[in-house]
Amino acid sequence: MNHVNAIALNLMSLALGSLRGLSLGDVALIIAWTLIMIVYVAGQAWRFPGKHR
């Protein structure tokens, strides 16, 4: 899960860095990307409950 945490941190720093000139489209893009990542990770965890190791 380390790469997922890195991506989340990158998204957070990106959002915080551009918070000054953030438009509605940027907010929607960040929210959509975060949701996609959450759904993808949840789908991977649900599909293979105990077969990853």
PDB file of N, CA and C in Angstrom:
ATOM      1  N   MET A   1       0.829  -1.213   0.000  1.00  0.00           N
ATOM      2  CA  MET A   1       0.000   0.000   0.000  1.00  0.00           C
ATOM      3  C   MET A   1       0.865   1.266   0.000  1.00  0.00           C
ATOM      4  N   ASN A   2       2.172   1.089  -0.115  1.00  0.00           N
ATOM      5  CA  ASN A   2       3.046   2.257  -0.012  1.00  0.00           C
ATOM      6  C   ASN A   2       2.867   3.210  -1.183  1.00  0.00           C
ATOM      7  N   HIS A   3       2.708   2.650  -2.397  1.00  0.00           N
ATOM      8  CA  HIS A   3       2.561   3.520  -3.569  1.00  0.00           C
ATOM      9  C   HIS A   3       1.240   4.282  -3.505  1.00  0.00           C
ATOM     10  N   VAL A   4       0.224   3.679  -2.906  1.00  0.00           N
ATOM     11  CA  VAL A   4      -1.066   4.371  -2.777  1.00  0.00           C
ATOM     12  C   VAL A   4      -0.921   5.564  -1.830  1.00  0.00           C
ATOM     13  N   ASN A   5      -0.189   5.364  -0.739  1.00  0.00           N
ATOM     14  CA  ASN A   5       0.031   6.463   0.196  1.00  0.00           C
ATOM     15  C   ASN A   5       0.825   7.589  -0.475  1.00  0.00           C
ATOM     16  N   ALA A   6       1.789   7.229  -1.294  1.00  0.00           N
ATOM     17  CA  ALA A   6       2.590   8.236  -1.990  1.00  0.00           C
ATOM     18  C   ALA A   6       1.712   9.038  -2.947  1.00  0.00           C
ATOM     19  N   ILE A   7       0.823   8.339  -3.659  1.00  0.00           N
ATOM     20  CA  ILE A   7      -0.065   9.037  -4.591  1.00  0.00           C
ATOM     21  C   ILE A   7      -0.992   9.970  -3.827  1.00  0.00           C
ATOM     22  N   ALA A   8      -1.507   9.500  -2.696  1.00  0.00           N
ATOM     23  CA  ALA A   8      -2.404  10.332  -1.886  1.00  0.00           C
ATOM     24  C   ALA A   8      -1.658  11.568  -1.380  1.00  0.00           C
ATOM     25  N   LEU A   9      -0.418  11.392  -0.949  1.00  0.00           N
ATOM     26  CA  LEU A   9       0.373  12.529  -0.469  1.00  0.00           C
ATOM     27  C   LEU A   9       0.642  13.509  -1.597  1.00  0.00           C
ATOM     28  N   ASN A  10       0.938  12.984  -2.781  1.00  0.00           N
ATOM     29  CA  ASN A  10       1.170  13.865  -3.927  1.00  0.00           C
ATOM     30  C   ASN A  10      -0.087  14.668  -4.254  1.00  0.00           C
ATOM     31  N   LEU A  11      -1.249  14.003  -4.205  1.00  0.00           N
ATOM     32  CA  LEU A  11      -2.502  14.701  -4.483  1.00  0.00           C
ATOM     33  C   LEU A  11      -2.759  15.789  -3.444  1.00  0.00           C
ATOM     34  N   MET A  12      -2.496  15.460  -2.179  1.00  0.00           N
ATOM     35  CA  MET A  12      -2.733  16.434  -1.114  1.00  0.00           C
ATOM     36  C   MET A  12      -1.825  17.652  -1.283  1.00  0.00           C
ATOM     37  N   SER A  13      -0.535  17.411  -1.550  1.00  0.00           N
ATOM     38  CA  SER A  13       0.387  18.538  -1.713  1.00  0.00           C
ATOM     39  C   SER A  13       0.025  19.347  -2.954  1.00  0.00           C
ATOM     40  N   LEU A  14      -0.413  18.658  -4.007  1.00  0.00           N
ATOM     41  CA  LEU A  14      -0.831  19.356  -5.220  1.00  0.00           C
ATOM     42  C   LEU A  14      -2.039  20.238  -4.929  1.00  0.00           C
ATOM     43  N   ALA A  15      -3.008  19.690  -4.185  1.00  0.00           N
ATOM     44  CA  ALA A  15      -4.212  20.454  -3.853  1.00  0.00           C
ATOM     45  C   ALA A  15      -3.856  21.637  -2.966  1.00  0.00           C
ATOM     46  N   LEU A  16      -3.001  21.420  -1.965  1.00  0.00           N
ATOM     47  CA  LEU A  16      -2.638  22.501  -1.050  1.00  0.00           C
ATOM     48  C   LEU A  16      -1.815  23.558  -1.782  1.00  0.00           C
ATOM     49  N   GLY A  17      -0.953  23.124  -2.700  1.00  0.00           N
ATOM     50  CA  GLY A  17      -0.098  24.068  -3.413  1.00  0.00           C
ATOM     51  C   GLY A  17      -0.894  24.983  -4.335  1.00  0.00           C
ATOM     52  N   SER A  18      -1.971  24.453  -4.929  1.00  0.00           N
ATOM     53  CA  SER A  18      -2.738  25.246  -5.888  1.00  0.00           C
ATOM     54  C   SER A  18      -4.037  25.757  -5.280  1.00  0.00           C
ATOM     55  N   LEU A  19      -4.088  25.787  -3.945  1.00  0.00           N
ATOM     56  CA  LEU A  19      -5.321  26.182  -3.273  1.00  0.00           C
ATOM     57  C   LEU A  19      -5.644  27.658  -3.529  1.00  0.00           C
ATOM     58  N   ARG A  20      -4.593  28.451  -3.807  1.00  0.00           N
ATOM     59  CA  ARG A  20      -4.829  29.892  -3.983  1.00  0.00           C
ATOM     60  C   ARG A  20      -5.704  30.143  -5.207  1.00  0.00           C
ATOM     61  N   GLY A  21      -5.324  29.539  -6.352  1.00  0.00           N
ATOM     62  CA  GLY A  21      -6.056  29.803  -7.584  1.00  0.00           C
ATOM     63  C   GLY A  21      -6.891  28.609  -7.992  1.00  0.00           C
ATOM     64  N   LEU A  22      -7.531  28.008  -7.022  1.00  0.00           N
ATOM     65  CA  LEU A  22      -8.275  26.783  -7.308  1.00  0.00           C
ATOM     66  C   LEU A  22      -9.646  27.133  -7.874  1.00  0.00           C
ATOM     67  N   SER A  23      -9.947  26.542  -9.014  1.00  0.00           N
ATOM     68  CA  SER A  23     -11.263  26.755  -9.606  1.00  0.00           C
ATOM     69  C   SER A  23     -12.135  25.533  -9.341  1.00  0.00           C
ATOM     70  N   LEU A  24     -13.399  25.652  -9.706  1.00  0.00           N
ATOM     71  CA  LEU A  24     -14.339  24.565  -9.454  1.00  0.00           C
ATOM     72  C   LEU A  24     -13.940  23.305 -10.224  1.00  0.00           C
ATOM     73  N   GLY A  25     -13.407  23.486 -11.430  1.00  0.00           N
ATOM     74  CA  GLY A  25     -12.979  22.343 -12.216  1.00  0.00           C
ATOM     75  C   GLY A  25     -11.818  21.601 -11.572  1.00  0.00           C
ATOM     76  N   ASP A  26     -10.880  22.364 -10.973  1.00  0.00           N
ATOM     77  CA  ASP A  26      -9.752  21.730 -10.299  1.00  0.00           C
ATOM     78  C   ASP A  26     -10.228  20.914  -9.109  1.00  0.00           C
ATOM     79  N   VAL A  27     -11.155  21.475  -8.338  1.00  0.00           N
ATOM     80  CA  VAL A  27     -11.682  20.765  -7.173  1.00  0.00           C
ATOM     81  C   VAL A  27     -12.374  19.481  -7.630  1.00  0.00           C
ATOM     82  N   ALA A  28     -13.178  19.573  -8.679  1.00  0.00           N
ATOM     83  CA  ALA A  28     -13.887  18.395  -9.188  1.00  0.00           C
ATOM     84  C   ALA A  28     -12.883  17.345  -9.676  1.00  0.00           C
ATOM     85  N   LEU A  29     -11.802  17.778 -10.322  1.00  0.00           N
ATOM     86  CA  LEU A  29     -10.801  16.851 -10.827  1.00  0.00           C
ATOM     87  C   LEU A  29     -10.108  16.118  -9.685  1.00  0.00           C
ATOM     88  N   ILE A  30      -9.742  16.871  -8.645  1.00  0.00           N
ATOM     89  CA  ILE A  30      -9.068  16.261  -7.485  1.00  0.00           C
ATOM     90  C   ILE A  30      -9.997  15.264  -6.800  1.00  0.00           C
ATOM     91  N   ILE A  31     -11.264  15.652  -6.607  1.00  0.00           N
ATOM     92  CA  ILE A  31     -12.228  14.761  -5.946  1.00  0.00           C
ATOM     93  C   ILE A  31     -12.441  13.502  -6.793  1.00  0.00           C
ATOM     94  N   ALA A  32     -12.587  13.683  -8.098  1.00  0.00           N
ATOM     95  CA  ALA A  32     -12.823  12.536  -8.981  1.00  0.00           C
ATOM     96  C   ALA A  32     -11.619  11.595  -8.963  1.00  0.00           C
ATOM     97  N   TRP A  33     -10.409  12.131  -9.032  1.00  0.00           N
ATOM     98  CA  TRP A  33      -9.209  11.300  -9.033  1.00  0.00           C
ATOM     99  C   TRP A  33      -9.077  10.533  -7.722  1.00  0.00           C
ATOM    100  N   THR A  34      -9.376  11.219  -6.590  1.00  0.00           N
ATOM    101  CA  THR A  34      -9.305  10.559  -5.288  1.00  0.00           C
ATOM    102  C   THR A  34     -10.318   9.424  -5.204  1.00  0.00           C
ATOM    103  N   LEU A  35     -11.540   9.675  -5.688  1.00  0.00           N
ATOM    104  CA  LEU A  35     -12.570   8.636  -5.661  1.00  0.00           C
ATOM    105  C   LEU A  35     -12.176   7.452  -6.538  1.00  0.00           C
ATOM    106  N   ILE A  36     -11.598   7.737  -7.705  1.00  0.00           N
ATOM    107  CA  ILE A  36     -11.174   6.659  -8.600  1.00  0.00           C
ATOM    108  C   ILE A  36     -10.115   5.797  -7.915  1.00  0.00           C
ATOM    109  N   MET A  37      -9.158   6.435  -7.249  1.00  0.00           N
ATOM    110  CA  MET A  37      -8.119   5.679  -6.562  1.00  0.00           C
ATOM    111  C   MET A  37      -8.710   4.830  -5.440  1.00  0.00           C
ATOM    112  N   ILE A  38      -9.660   5.395  -4.674  1.00  0.00           N
ATOM    113  CA  ILE A  38     -10.271   4.655  -3.572  1.00  0.00           C
ATOM    114  C   ILE A  38     -11.031   3.444  -4.118  1.00  0.00           C
ATOM    115  N   VAL A  39     -11.807   3.655  -5.183  1.00  0.00           N
ATOM    116  CA  VAL A  39     -12.578   2.557  -5.758  1.00  0.00           C
ATOM    117  C   VAL A  39     -11.644   1.491  -6.328  1.00  0.00           C
ATOM    118  N   TYR A  40     -10.556   1.906  -6.967  1.00  0.00           N
ATOM    119  CA  TYR A  40      -9.613   0.945  -7.549  1.00  0.00           C
ATOM    120  C   TYR A  40      -8.957   0.095  -6.462  1.00  0.00           C
ATOM    121  N   VAL A  41      -8.482   0.755  -5.392  1.00  0.00           N
ATOM    122  CA  VAL A  41      -7.818   0.030  -4.312  1.00  0.00           C
ATOM    123  C   VAL A  41      -8.814  -0.889  -3.610  1.00  0.00           C
ATOM    124  N   ALA A  42     -10.036  -0.409  -3.377  1.00  0.00           N
ATOM    125  CA  ALA A  42     -11.057  -1.238  -2.735  1.00  0.00           C
ATOM    126  C   ALA A  42     -11.391  -2.433  -3.630  1.00  0.00           C
ATOM    127  N   GLY A  43     -11.462  -2.224  -4.929  1.00  0.00           N
ATOM    128  CA  GLY A  43     -11.758  -3.316  -5.848  1.00  0.00           C
ATOM    129  C   GLY A  43     -10.651  -4.357  -5.846  1.00  0.00           C
ATOM    130  N   GLN A  44      -9.405  -3.922  -5.790  1.00  0.00           N
ATOM    131  CA  GLN A  44      -8.297  -4.870  -5.730  1.00  0.00           C
ATOM    132  C   GLN A  44      -8.360  -5.678  -4.439  1.00  0.00           C
ATOM    133  N   ALA A  45      -8.642  -5.025  -3.327  1.00  0.00           N
ATOM    134  CA  ALA A  45      -8.690  -5.711  -2.035  1.00  0.00           C
ATOM    135  C   ALA A  45      -9.869  -6.683  -1.992  1.00  0.00           C
ATOM    136  N   TRP A  46     -11.006  -6.300  -2.590  1.00  0.00           N
ATOM    137  CA  TRP A  46     -12.193  -7.171  -2.553  1.00  0.00           C
ATOM    138  C   TRP A  46     -12.028  -8.374  -3.476  1.00  0.00           C
ATOM    139  N   ARG A  47     -11.354  -8.178  -4.619  1.00  0.00           N
ATOM    140  CA  ARG A  47     -11.266  -9.246  -5.600  1.00  0.00           C
ATOM    141  C   ARG A  47     -10.371 -10.385  -5.104  1.00  0.00           C
ATOM    142  N   PHE A  48      -9.264 -10.043  -4.433  1.00  0.00           N
ATOM    143  CA  PHE A  48      -8.332 -11.052  -3.937  1.00  0.00           C
ATOM    144  C   PHE A  48      -8.194 -10.899  -2.423  1.00  0.00           C
ATOM    145  N   PRO A  49      -9.104 -11.483  -1.665  1.00  0.00           N
ATOM    146  CA  PRO A  49      -9.094 -11.260  -0.207  1.00  0.00           C
ATOM    147  C   PRO A  49      -7.830 -11.776   0.460  1.00  0.00           C
ATOM    148  N   GLY A  50      -7.393 -13.011   0.132  1.00  0.00           N
ATOM    149  CA  GLY A  50      -6.227 -13.545   0.832  1.00  0.00           C
ATOM    150  C   GLY A  50      -5.178 -14.118  -0.085  1.00  0.00           C
ATOM    151  N   LYS A  51      -5.205 -13.791  -1.360  1.00  0.00           N
ATOM    152  CA  LYS A  51      -4.303 -14.425  -2.319  1.00  0.00           C
ATOM    153  C   LYS A  51      -3.151 -13.504  -2.734  1.00  0.00           C
ATOM    154  N   HIS A  52      -2.991 -12.354  -2.088  1.00  0.00           N
ATOM    155  CA  HIS A  52      -1.929 -11.445  -2.516  1.00  0.00           C
ATOM    156  C   HIS A  52      -0.567 -11.951  -2.099  1.00  0.00           C
ATOM    157  N   ARG A  53      -0.481 -12.616  -0.921  1.00  0.00           N
ATOM    158  CA  ARG A  53       0.818 -13.135  -0.499  1.00  0.00           C
ATOM    159  C   ARG A  53       0.940 -14.531  -1.063  1.00  0.00           C
TER     160      ARG A  53
END
